[in-house]
């Protein structure tokens, strides 16, 4: 399956001149695990909760701007048509939890996380050879009886 089918497109973004303090607030307020640094629609970096924790532990001033803190050489981007197996390989080989997804023009399109990949692989495994929709539809309420165990309907 292509990453475009399951990547997160509602990812938080910030500009290179955003401070680490502002990014930390974005992470906490929006309950997300990363903020992609974008300049002219192109991703130039990513800052994760782990990065913020390391910055705090290393006593990096909170008014440090993202551009001075991040290392753009560490940014790993994949195209929207990249297959799940390739995404999983990259995450495992590079020891990262997030891959930035770009469109055919190199513009920011979304983020694929290790959780996204795990969910897709799990759904595919459950769905074979059955219809995938059976596993993604909400379940009906559990019926509880005093004489037998609860049964999913």
C-alpha atoms as a PDB file:
ATOM      1  CA  UNK A   1       0.000   0.000   0.000  1.00  0.00           C
ATOM      2  CA  UNK A   2       1.209   3.516  -0.747  1.00  0.00           C
ATOM      3  CA  UNK A   3       2.046   5.812   2.155  1.00  0.00           C
ATOM      4  CA  UNK A   4      -0.399   8.416   0.806  1.00  0.00           C
ATOM      5  CA  UNK A   5      -3.257   6.122   1.876  1.00  0.00           C
ATOM      6  CA  UNK A   6      -2.461   6.297   5.585  1.00  0.00           C
ATOM      7  CA  UNK A   7      -0.015   9.139   6.278  1.00  0.00           C
ATOM      8  CA  UNK A   8      -1.073  11.938   8.598  1.00  0.00           C
ATOM      9  CA  UNK A   9      -1.933  15.074   6.651  1.00  0.00           C
ATOM     10  CA  UNK A  10      -2.966  17.142   9.665  1.00  0.00           C
ATOM     11  CA  UNK A  11       0.594  17.427  10.940  1.00  0.00           C
ATOM     12  CA  UNK A  12       1.728  20.508  12.812  1.00  0.00           C
ATOM     13  CA  UNK A  13       4.171  22.731  10.929  1.00  0.00           C
ATOM     14  CA  UNK A  14       6.355  25.669  11.889  1.00  0.00           C
ATOM     15  CA  UNK A  15       8.791  28.021  10.203  1.00  0.00           C
ATOM     16  CA  UNK A  16      12.566  27.843  10.725  1.00  0.00           C
ATOM     17  CA  UNK A  17      12.470  30.950  12.934  1.00  0.00           C
ATOM     18  CA  UNK A  18      10.048  29.401  15.455  1.00  0.00           C
ATOM     19  CA  UNK A  19      11.564  28.996  18.936  1.00  0.00           C
ATOM     20  CA  UNK A  20      11.887  25.650  20.706  1.00  0.00           C
ATOM     21  CA  UNK A  21       9.557  26.981  23.398  1.00  0.00           C
ATOM     22  CA  UNK A  22       6.847  27.670  20.794  1.00  0.00           C
ATOM     23  CA  UNK A  23       7.350  24.221  19.253  1.00  0.00           C
ATOM     24  CA  UNK A  24       7.112  22.563  22.683  1.00  0.00           C
ATOM     25  CA  UNK A  25       3.809  24.369  23.230  1.00  0.00           C
ATOM     26  CA  UNK A  26       2.577  23.217  19.799  1.00  0.00           C
ATOM     27  CA  UNK A  27       3.445  19.612  20.651  1.00  0.00           C
ATOM     28  CA  UNK A  28       1.680  19.760  24.011  1.00  0.00           C
ATOM     29  CA  UNK A  29      -1.358  21.784  22.947  1.00  0.00           C
ATOM     30  CA  UNK A  30      -2.113  19.667  19.891  1.00  0.00           C
ATOM     31  CA  UNK A  31      -1.070  16.345  21.450  1.00  0.00           C
ATOM     32  CA  UNK A  32       1.256  15.458  18.575  1.00  0.00           C
ATOM     33  CA  UNK A  33       4.701  13.895  18.577  1.00  0.00           C
ATOM     34  CA  UNK A  34       6.413  16.036  15.942  1.00  0.00           C
ATOM     35  CA  UNK A  35       6.394  19.401  14.213  1.00  0.00           C
ATOM     36  CA  UNK A  36       7.693  19.636  10.651  1.00  0.00           C
ATOM     37  CA  UNK A  37       9.733  22.725   9.857  1.00  0.00           C
ATOM     38  CA  UNK A  38       8.620  24.048   6.465  1.00  0.00           C
ATOM     39  CA  UNK A  39       9.982  26.859   4.320  1.00  0.00           C
ATOM     40  CA  UNK A  40       8.313  27.783   1.007  1.00  0.00           C
ATOM     41  CA  UNK A  41       6.206  24.583   1.162  1.00  0.00           C
ATOM     42  CA  UNK A  42       9.387  22.466   1.363  1.00  0.00           C
ATOM     43  CA  UNK A  43      10.225  20.493   4.517  1.00  0.00           C
ATOM     44  CA  UNK A  44      13.591  21.540   5.912  1.00  0.00           C
ATOM     45  CA  UNK A  45      13.517  19.743   9.256  1.00  0.00           C
ATOM     46  CA  UNK A  46      11.520  17.981  11.925  1.00  0.00           C
ATOM     47  CA  UNK A  47      11.468  18.428  15.687  1.00  0.00           C
ATOM     48  CA  UNK A  48      10.028  15.665  17.848  1.00  0.00           C
ATOM     49  CA  UNK A  49       9.124  15.326  21.511  1.00  0.00           C
ATOM     50  CA  UNK A  50      12.392  13.439  21.928  1.00  0.00           C
ATOM     51  CA  UNK A  51      14.320  16.374  20.458  1.00  0.00           C
ATOM     52  CA  UNK A  52      12.614  18.778  22.872  1.00  0.00           C
ATOM     53  CA  UNK A  53      13.440  16.478  25.803  1.00  0.00           C
ATOM     54  CA  UNK A  54      17.092  16.287  24.731  1.00  0.00           C
ATOM     55  CA  UNK A  55      17.222  20.056  24.303  1.00  0.00           C
ATOM     56  CA  UNK A  56      15.853  20.542  27.811  1.00  0.00           C
ATOM     57  CA  UNK A  57      18.267  17.970  29.277  1.00  0.00           C
ATOM     58  CA  UNK A  58      21.146  19.624  27.428  1.00  0.00           C
ATOM     59  CA  UNK A  59      20.090  23.015  28.759  1.00  0.00           C
ATOM     60  CA  UNK A  60      19.539  24.458  25.286  1.00  0.00           C
ATOM     61  CA  UNK A  61      17.860  27.870  25.769  1.00  0.00           C
ATOM     62  CA  UNK A  62      14.134  27.712  25.047  1.00  0.00           C
ATOM     63  CA  UNK A  63      14.385  30.808  22.864  1.00  0.00           C
ATOM     64  CA  UNK A  64      16.710  28.981  20.435  1.00  0.00           C
ATOM     65  CA  UNK A  65      15.171  29.011  16.977  1.00  0.00           C
ATOM     66  CA  UNK A  66      14.387  25.754  15.203  1.00  0.00           C
ATOM     67  CA  UNK A  67      16.776  26.477  12.346  1.00  0.00           C
ATOM     68  CA  UNK A  68      19.751  26.659  14.739  1.00  0.00           C
ATOM     69  CA  UNK A  69      18.700  23.534  16.635  1.00  0.00           C
ATOM     70  CA  UNK A  70      17.725  21.032  13.949  1.00  0.00           C
ATOM     71  CA  UNK A  71      20.025  19.206  11.604  1.00  0.00           C
ATOM     72  CA  UNK A  72      18.592  19.199   8.082  1.00  0.00           C
ATOM     73  CA  UNK A  73      21.029  16.434   7.131  1.00  0.00           C
ATOM     74  CA  UNK A  74      19.007  14.084   9.359  1.00  0.00           C
ATOM     75  CA  UNK A  75      15.719  14.787   7.580  1.00  0.00           C
ATOM     76  CA  UNK A  76      14.430  11.702   5.789  1.00  0.00           C
ATOM     77  CA  UNK A  77      11.787  12.330   3.134  1.00  0.00           C
ATOM     78  CA  UNK A  78       9.807   9.826   1.084  1.00  0.00           C
ATOM     79  CA  UNK A  79       7.426  10.352  -1.823  1.00  0.00           C
ATOM     80  CA  UNK A  80       3.677   9.823  -1.566  1.00  0.00           C
ATOM     81  CA  UNK A  81       3.861   6.675  -3.703  1.00  0.00           C
ATOM     82  CA  UNK A  82       6.394   4.912  -1.435  1.00  0.00           C
ATOM     83  CA  UNK A  83       5.219   1.445  -0.403  1.00  0.00           C
ATOM     84  CA  UNK A  84       4.639   0.409   3.231  1.00  0.00           C
ATOM     85  CA  UNK A  85       7.443  -2.175   3.196  1.00  0.00           C
ATOM     86  CA  UNK A  86       9.917   0.504   2.110  1.00  0.00           C
ATOM     87  CA  UNK A  87       8.655   2.872   4.824  1.00  0.00           C
ATOM     88  CA  UNK A  88       9.046   0.145   7.462  1.00  0.00           C
ATOM     89  CA  UNK A  89      12.585  -0.625   6.244  1.00  0.00           C
ATOM     90  CA  UNK A  90      13.624   3.032   6.446  1.00  0.00           C
ATOM     91  CA  UNK A  91      12.180   3.476   9.931  1.00  0.00           C
ATOM     92  CA  UNK A  92      14.001   0.368  11.129  1.00  0.00           C
ATOM     93  CA  UNK A  93      17.335   1.101   9.418  1.00  0.00           C
ATOM     94  CA  UNK A  94      17.491   4.803  10.334  1.00  0.00           C
ATOM     95  CA  UNK A  95      16.179   4.364  13.912  1.00  0.00           C
ATOM     96  CA  UNK A  96      13.496   7.039  13.515  1.00  0.00           C
ATOM     97  CA  UNK A  97       9.792   7.178  14.314  1.00  0.00           C
ATOM     98  CA  UNK A  98       8.729   9.747  11.698  1.00  0.00           C
ATOM     99  CA  UNK A  99       9.298  10.099   7.972  1.00  0.00           C
ATOM    100  CA  UNK A 100       8.355  13.306   6.179  1.00  0.00           C
ATOM    101  CA  UNK A 101       6.270  12.689   3.063  1.00  0.00           C
ATOM    102  CA  UNK A 102       6.613  14.954   0.024  1.00  0.00           C
ATOM    103  CA  UNK A 103       4.658  15.201  -3.220  1.00  0.00           C
ATOM    104  CA  UNK A 104       6.098  14.969  -6.737  1.00  0.00           C
ATOM    105  CA  UNK A 105       7.256  18.624  -6.505  1.00  0.00           C
ATOM    106  CA  UNK A 106       9.038  18.094  -3.187  1.00  0.00           C
ATOM    107  CA  UNK A 107       6.371  20.002  -1.252  1.00  0.00           C
ATOM    108  CA  UNK A 108       5.387  18.867   2.230  1.00  0.00           C
ATOM    109  CA  UNK A 109       2.473  16.409   2.086  1.00  0.00           C
ATOM    110  CA  UNK A 110       2.378  14.738   5.501  1.00  0.00           C
ATOM    111  CA  UNK A 111       4.125  12.466   7.977  1.00  0.00           C
ATOM    112  CA  UNK A 112       4.282   8.675   8.239  1.00  0.00           C
ATOM    113  CA  UNK A 113       5.047   7.430  11.732  1.00  0.00           C
ATOM    114  CA  UNK A 114       6.023   4.016  13.028  1.00  0.00           C
ATOM    115  CA  UNK A 115       2.525   3.836  14.540  1.00  0.00           C
ATOM    116  CA  UNK A 116       0.952   4.450  11.123  1.00  0.00           C
ATOM    117  CA  UNK A 117       2.988   1.623   9.624  1.00  0.00           C
ATOM    118  CA  UNK A 118       2.202  -0.747  12.507  1.00  0.00           C
ATOM    119  CA  UNK A 119      -1.516  -0.019  12.146  1.00  0.00           C
ATOM    120  CA  UNK A 120      -1.468  -0.627   8.392  1.00  0.00           C
ATOM    121  CA  UNK A 121       0.478  -3.854   8.677  1.00  0.00           C
ATOM    122  CA  UNK A 122      -1.872  -5.044  11.418  1.00  0.00           C
ATOM    123  CA  UNK A 123      -4.978  -4.223   9.400  1.00  0.00           C
ATOM    124  CA  UNK A 124      -3.583  -5.926   6.312  1.00  0.00           C
ATOM    125  CA  UNK A 125      -2.747  -9.049   8.310  1.00  0.00           C
ATOM    126  CA  UNK A 126      -6.221  -9.187   9.842  1.00  0.00           C
ATOM    127  CA  UNK A 127      -7.952  -8.473   6.562  1.00  0.00           C
ATOM    128  CA  UNK A 128      -6.326 -11.214   4.482  1.00  0.00           C
ATOM    129  CA  UNK A 129      -8.165 -12.930   2.855  1.00  0.00           C
ATOM    130  CA  UNK A 130     -11.196 -11.092   4.160  1.00  0.00           C
ATOM    131  CA  UNK A 131     -12.474  -7.639   3.436  1.00  0.00           C
ATOM    132  CA  UNK A 132     -10.406  -4.967   5.181  1.00  0.00           C
ATOM    133  CA  UNK A 133     -13.530  -2.945   6.002  1.00  0.00           C
ATOM    134  CA  UNK A 134     -14.645  -5.610   8.461  1.00  0.00           C
ATOM    135  CA  UNK A 135     -11.749  -4.653  10.736  1.00  0.00           C
ATOM    136  CA  UNK A 136     -12.051  -0.882  10.474  1.00  0.00           C
ATOM    137  CA  UNK A 137     -15.786  -0.451  11.126  1.00  0.00           C
ATOM    138  CA  UNK A 138     -16.818   0.362  14.716  1.00  0.00           C
ATOM    139  CA  UNK A 139     -18.017  -2.670  16.689  1.00  0.00           C
ATOM    140  CA  UNK A 140     -21.527  -2.848  18.090  1.00  0.00           C
ATOM    141  CA  UNK A 141     -22.090  -2.729  21.828  1.00  0.00           C
ATOM    142  CA  UNK A 142     -21.259  -5.752  23.952  1.00  0.00           C
ATOM    143  CA  UNK A 143     -24.263  -7.682  25.207  1.00  0.00           C
ATOM    144  CA  UNK A 144     -23.818  -8.849  28.795  1.00  0.00           C
ATOM    145  CA  UNK A 145     -25.815 -11.761  30.170  1.00  0.00           C
ATOM    146  CA  UNK A 146     -25.662 -13.222  33.659  1.00  0.00           C
ATOM    147  CA  UNK A 147     -25.592 -16.826  32.416  1.00  0.00           C
ATOM    148  CA  UNK A 148     -22.853 -16.550  29.758  1.00  0.00           C
ATOM    149  CA  UNK A 149     -19.798 -14.543  28.796  1.00  0.00           C
ATOM    150  CA  UNK A 150     -20.118 -11.230  26.903  1.00  0.00           C
ATOM    151  CA  UNK A 151     -20.535 -11.665  23.159  1.00  0.00           C
ATOM    152  CA  UNK A 152     -19.602  -9.169  20.427  1.00  0.00           C
ATOM    153  CA  UNK A 153     -22.389  -8.665  17.928  1.00  0.00           C
END
